């Protein structure tokens, strides 16, 4: 019975997407919707295969992935460090947190005209925009995680003679990890969202550029393929983050596997 339930749990998330794709194929084949504006899934798969064989798809995919990873490392790293600093130091929190929170309330995509003036339309502007997008979710959740660690556990650690580093390593950081991973997963979604916008503005490479270039020639299949790739990349990033989360937090009761 348990094995059957596990199989059912693995199948259920795919029922609706598969059903929608089947309906989409039927609607396009029977011309319930115009194939010129909404090509069938088989046409999009064929287009993807042709672009893959030609090397165009891998070229743009590699550039987009590079931008996403570098932006995540820069923005996420800074957000994590500042979250730790402000969470651990009341003085740093008083000096920096209010300013960071004010900046956070400005939509980062609204800064695009200013970023173009400051940094131009090259790689630096795109990486800055992605870094800015992922910075705040990771900062806020790291800061929140550090500040909400059970004070009783910290006091117990002090009673057992743990020094500051040992308290951080064994109690504070592990206690904050669930919140940090929430921030990471949220940031991964914003990372791809920001990248889509960044690559459709004065770009000559990347999946977003491929979609915008296809728009000029009314290649709807390429546009839908680009959107699908972004969705798959976002899902893949979330799955990887979830796997790392479960491995890292296997000691936590909420993540412990039932035997």
Protein backbone atom coordinates (compact mmCIF):
# COMPACT_ATOMS: atom_id res chain seq x y z
CA UNK A 1 0.00 0.00 0.00
CA UNK A 2 2.83 2.40 0.91
CA UNK A 3 4.61 1.68 -2.40
CA UNK A 4 1.43 2.41 -4.32
CA UNK A 5 0.98 5.69 -2.45
CA UNK A 6 4.57 6.71 -3.27
CA UNK A 7 3.99 5.99 -6.96
CA UNK A 8 0.74 7.94 -6.88
CA UNK A 9 2.48 10.89 -5.24
CA UNK A 10 5.06 10.85 -8.03
CA UNK A 11 2.43 10.69 -10.79
CA UNK A 12 -0.13 13.21 -9.51
CA UNK A 13 1.94 16.40 -10.15
CA UNK A 14 2.21 15.47 -13.83
CA UNK A 15 -1.46 14.69 -14.46
CA UNK A 16 -2.61 18.27 -15.11
CA UNK A 17 0.40 19.34 -17.27
CA UNK A 18 0.12 16.21 -19.44
CA UNK A 19 -3.65 16.67 -19.77
CA UNK A 20 -3.16 20.29 -20.86
CA UNK A 21 -0.54 19.30 -23.44
CA UNK A 22 -2.84 16.60 -24.85
CA UNK A 23 -5.72 19.08 -25.08
CA UNK A 24 -3.40 21.64 -26.66
CA UNK A 25 -2.31 19.12 -29.30
CA UNK A 26 -5.89 18.12 -30.06
CA UNK A 27 -7.04 21.74 -30.26
CA UNK A 28 -4.26 22.64 -32.67
CA UNK A 29 -4.63 19.50 -34.81
CA UNK A 30 -8.39 19.98 -35.16
CA UNK A 31 -7.94 23.73 -35.74
CA UNK A 32 -9.97 24.72 -32.69
CA UNK A 33 -7.21 27.31 -32.27
CA UNK A 34 -5.15 28.83 -35.06
CA UNK A 35 -1.83 27.01 -35.39
CA UNK A 36 -0.16 30.18 -36.70
CA UNK A 37 -0.62 31.90 -33.33
CA UNK A 38 -0.53 28.76 -31.17
CA UNK A 39 1.51 25.96 -32.80
CA UNK A 40 1.00 22.37 -31.67
CA UNK A 41 3.37 20.90 -29.07
CA UNK A 42 4.77 18.55 -31.73
CA UNK A 43 5.72 21.56 -33.87
CA UNK A 44 7.46 23.22 -30.93
CA UNK A 45 9.35 20.00 -30.12
CA UNK A 46 10.43 19.77 -33.77
CA UNK A 47 11.59 23.39 -33.72
CA UNK A 48 13.53 22.75 -30.51
CA UNK A 49 15.20 19.72 -32.05
CA UNK A 50 16.23 21.69 -35.15
CA UNK A 51 17.65 24.53 -33.06
CA UNK A 52 19.44 22.02 -30.84
CA UNK A 53 21.04 20.23 -33.80
CA UNK A 54 22.11 23.54 -35.36
CA UNK A 55 23.79 24.58 -32.10
CA UNK A 56 21.78 27.81 -31.82
CA UNK A 57 19.77 26.63 -28.83
CA UNK A 58 22.81 25.44 -26.86
CA UNK A 59 24.60 28.71 -27.58
CA UNK A 60 21.81 30.89 -26.19
CA UNK A 61 21.03 28.46 -23.37
CA UNK A 62 24.66 28.47 -22.22
CA UNK A 63 24.77 32.29 -22.15
CA UNK A 64 21.50 32.55 -20.21
CA UNK A 65 22.63 29.91 -17.70
CA UNK A 66 25.94 31.74 -17.22
CA UNK A 67 24.15 35.03 -16.53
CA UNK A 68 21.76 33.37 -14.10
CA UNK A 69 24.48 31.56 -12.12
CA UNK A 70 26.83 34.57 -11.91
CA UNK A 71 23.98 36.88 -10.93
CA UNK A 72 22.84 34.41 -8.27
CA UNK A 73 26.35 34.05 -6.85
CA UNK A 74 26.90 37.82 -6.66
CA UNK A 75 23.47 38.92 -5.44
CA UNK A 76 22.81 35.83 -3.35
CA UNK A 77 26.26 35.94 -1.77
CA UNK A 78 25.89 39.60 -0.79
CA UNK A 79 22.37 39.01 0.50
CA UNK A 80 23.52 36.05 2.60
CA UNK A 81 26.49 37.93 4.07
CA UNK A 82 24.47 41.04 4.93
CA UNK A 83 21.66 38.89 6.32
CA UNK A 84 24.13 37.15 8.62
CA UNK A 85 25.79 40.42 9.62
CA UNK A 86 22.55 42.22 10.45
CA UNK A 87 21.05 39.15 12.08
CA UNK A 88 24.02 38.60 14.36
CA UNK A 89 24.91 42.22 15.10
CA UNK A 90 22.26 44.57 16.58
CA UNK A 91 24.49 47.53 15.72
CA UNK A 92 24.80 46.52 12.07
CA UNK A 93 21.06 45.93 11.93
CA UNK A 94 20.35 49.45 13.22
CA UNK A 95 22.77 50.96 10.72
CA UNK A 96 21.89 48.99 7.58
CA UNK A 97 18.55 47.20 7.76
CA UNK A 98 16.27 50.24 7.41
CA UNK A 99 18.15 51.43 4.33
CA UNK A 100 18.08 47.97 2.73
CA UNK A 101 14.36 47.63 3.44
CA UNK A 102 13.64 51.00 1.80
CA UNK A 103 15.56 49.99 -1.32
CA UNK A 104 13.80 46.61 -1.33
CA UNK A 105 10.44 48.32 -1.75
CA UNK A 106 11.54 49.82 -5.06
CA UNK A 107 10.68 47.34 -7.88
CA UNK A 108 14.05 46.37 -9.30
CA UNK A 109 12.69 46.09 -12.85
CA UNK A 110 11.61 49.73 -12.62
CA UNK A 111 15.29 50.62 -12.36
CA UNK A 112 16.07 49.37 -15.87
CA UNK A 113 16.20 52.87 -17.49
CA UNK A 114 18.54 54.06 -14.76
CA UNK A 115 20.70 50.93 -14.99
CA UNK A 116 21.04 51.42 -18.75
CA UNK A 117 22.20 55.00 -18.16
CA UNK A 118 24.64 53.91 -15.47
CA UNK A 119 25.99 50.67 -16.93
CA UNK A 120 24.97 50.66 -20.58
CA UNK A 121 23.39 47.66 -22.30
CA UNK A 122 26.23 45.15 -21.95
CA UNK A 123 26.73 42.13 -19.72
CA UNK A 124 27.37 44.25 -16.63
CA UNK A 125 23.85 45.70 -16.70
CA UNK A 126 22.24 42.26 -17.08
CA UNK A 127 24.30 40.74 -14.27
CA UNK A 128 23.57 43.72 -12.03
CA UNK A 129 19.83 43.40 -12.66
CA UNK A 130 19.82 39.66 -11.90
CA UNK A 131 21.97 40.19 -8.80
CA UNK A 132 19.59 42.86 -7.56
CA UNK A 133 16.62 40.58 -8.13
CA UNK A 134 18.00 37.70 -6.05
CA UNK A 135 19.61 39.85 -3.35
CA UNK A 136 16.53 40.81 -1.36
CA UNK A 137 14.77 37.42 -0.96
CA UNK A 138 17.96 35.84 0.32
CA UNK A 139 18.80 38.81 2.54
CA UNK A 140 15.35 39.03 4.14
CA UNK A 141 15.04 35.30 4.80
CA UNK A 142 18.60 34.98 6.11
CA UNK A 143 18.06 37.93 8.42
CA UNK A 144 14.70 36.55 9.57
CA UNK A 145 16.15 33.07 10.07
CA UNK A 146 19.01 34.31 12.23
CA UNK A 147 16.78 36.54 14.35
CA UNK A 148 14.19 33.83 15.00
CA UNK A 149 16.54 31.09 16.20
CA UNK A 150 15.33 29.74 19.54
CA UNK A 151 17.07 31.83 22.23
CA UNK A 152 16.68 28.96 24.66
CA UNK A 153 18.96 26.82 22.50
CA UNK A 154 21.55 29.58 22.38
CA UNK A 155 21.51 29.94 26.15
CA UNK A 156 21.81 26.17 26.50
CA UNK A 157 24.83 26.23 24.19
CA UNK A 158 26.47 28.89 26.34
CA UNK A 159 25.81 26.79 29.44
CA UNK A 160 27.63 23.89 27.76
CA UNK A 161 30.61 26.14 27.13
CA UNK A 162 30.29 26.74 23.39
CA UNK A 163 32.24 29.73 22.11
CA UNK A 164 30.82 32.24 19.61
CA UNK A 165 31.95 30.29 16.54
CA UNK A 166 30.63 27.00 17.89
CA UNK A 167 27.29 28.64 18.76
CA UNK A 168 27.03 29.95 15.20
CA UNK A 169 28.10 26.68 13.59
CA UNK A 170 26.08 24.27 15.72
CA UNK A 171 22.98 26.25 16.73
CA UNK A 172 22.40 29.57 14.95
CA UNK A 173 23.15 28.63 11.34
CA UNK A 174 21.36 25.24 11.43
CA UNK A 175 18.35 26.92 13.05
CA UNK A 176 18.26 29.58 10.33
CA UNK A 177 18.70 27.19 7.38
CA UNK A 178 14.97 26.46 6.77
CA UNK A 179 14.30 30.18 6.34
CA UNK A 180 17.43 30.64 4.21
CA UNK A 181 16.33 27.89 1.83
CA UNK A 182 12.90 29.52 1.50
CA UNK A 183 14.70 32.68 0.41
CA UNK A 184 16.87 30.75 -2.02
CA UNK A 185 13.92 29.05 -3.72
CA UNK A 186 12.06 32.34 -4.00
CA UNK A 187 15.20 34.01 -5.37
CA UNK A 188 15.60 31.33 -8.05
CA UNK A 189 12.17 32.18 -9.42
CA UNK A 190 12.97 35.89 -9.47
CA UNK A 191 16.33 35.12 -11.07
CA UNK A 192 14.74 33.69 -14.22
CA UNK A 193 11.99 36.33 -14.25
CA UNK A 194 14.57 39.10 -14.12
CA UNK A 195 16.73 37.41 -16.75
CA UNK A 196 13.81 37.21 -19.17
CA UNK A 197 13.35 40.98 -18.96
CA UNK A 198 17.09 41.68 -19.07
CA UNK A 199 17.60 39.59 -22.19
CA UNK A 200 14.74 41.17 -24.10
CA UNK A 201 16.22 44.66 -23.75
CA UNK A 202 19.02 45.53 -26.17
CA UNK A 203 20.55 42.06 -26.12
CA UNK A 204 22.20 39.99 -28.84
CA UNK A 205 22.29 36.62 -27.07
CA UNK A 206 20.40 34.46 -24.61
CA UNK A 207 17.01 32.75 -24.60
CA UNK A 208 15.23 36.10 -24.17
CA UNK A 209 16.99 37.49 -27.22
CA UNK A 210 16.04 34.38 -29.18
CA UNK A 211 12.38 35.01 -28.32
CA UNK A 212 12.53 38.71 -29.22
CA UNK A 213 14.30 37.96 -32.48
CA UNK A 214 11.63 35.37 -33.31
CA UNK A 215 8.94 37.99 -32.70
CA UNK A 216 10.33 40.08 -35.53
CA UNK A 217 9.71 37.20 -37.93
CA UNK A 218 6.43 36.02 -36.34
CA UNK A 219 8.02 32.69 -35.34
CA UNK A 220 5.50 31.80 -32.68
CA UNK A 221 6.93 28.32 -32.22
CA UNK A 222 10.33 29.74 -31.23
CA UNK A 223 8.71 32.22 -28.83
CA UNK A 224 6.71 29.48 -27.09
CA UNK A 225 9.80 27.26 -27.05
CA UNK A 226 11.76 30.04 -25.31
CA UNK A 227 9.02 30.49 -22.71
CA UNK A 228 8.92 26.73 -22.13
CA UNK A 229 12.69 26.60 -21.68
CA UNK A 230 12.52 29.35 -19.06
CA UNK A 231 9.79 27.42 -17.24
CA UNK A 232 11.81 24.19 -17.33
CA UNK A 233 14.97 25.94 -16.15
CA UNK A 234 13.05 27.50 -13.27
CA UNK A 235 11.57 24.14 -12.31
CA UNK A 236 14.98 22.44 -12.55
CA UNK A 237 16.57 25.09 -10.33
CA UNK A 238 13.78 24.71 -7.78
CA UNK A 239 14.08 20.91 -7.78
CA UNK A 240 17.85 21.10 -7.24
CA UNK A 241 17.38 23.59 -4.39
CA UNK A 242 14.75 21.32 -2.84
CA UNK A 243 17.06 18.29 -3.04
CA UNK A 244 19.91 20.23 -1.40
CA UNK A 245 17.45 21.47 1.22
CA UNK A 246 16.28 17.96 2.07
CA UNK A 247 19.84 16.63 2.27
CA UNK A 248 21.07 19.54 4.40
CA UNK A 249 18.07 19.49 6.73
CA UNK A 250 17.59 15.75 7.08
CA UNK A 251 18.16 16.19 10.83
CA UNK A 252 15.11 18.49 11.03
CA UNK A 253 11.84 16.80 12.11
CA UNK A 254 9.90 18.45 9.29
CA UNK A 255 12.29 17.02 6.68
CA UNK A 256 12.88 13.61 8.21
CA UNK A 257 11.68 10.75 6.00
CA UNK A 258 9.02 8.57 7.46
CA UNK A 259 10.12 4.97 7.76
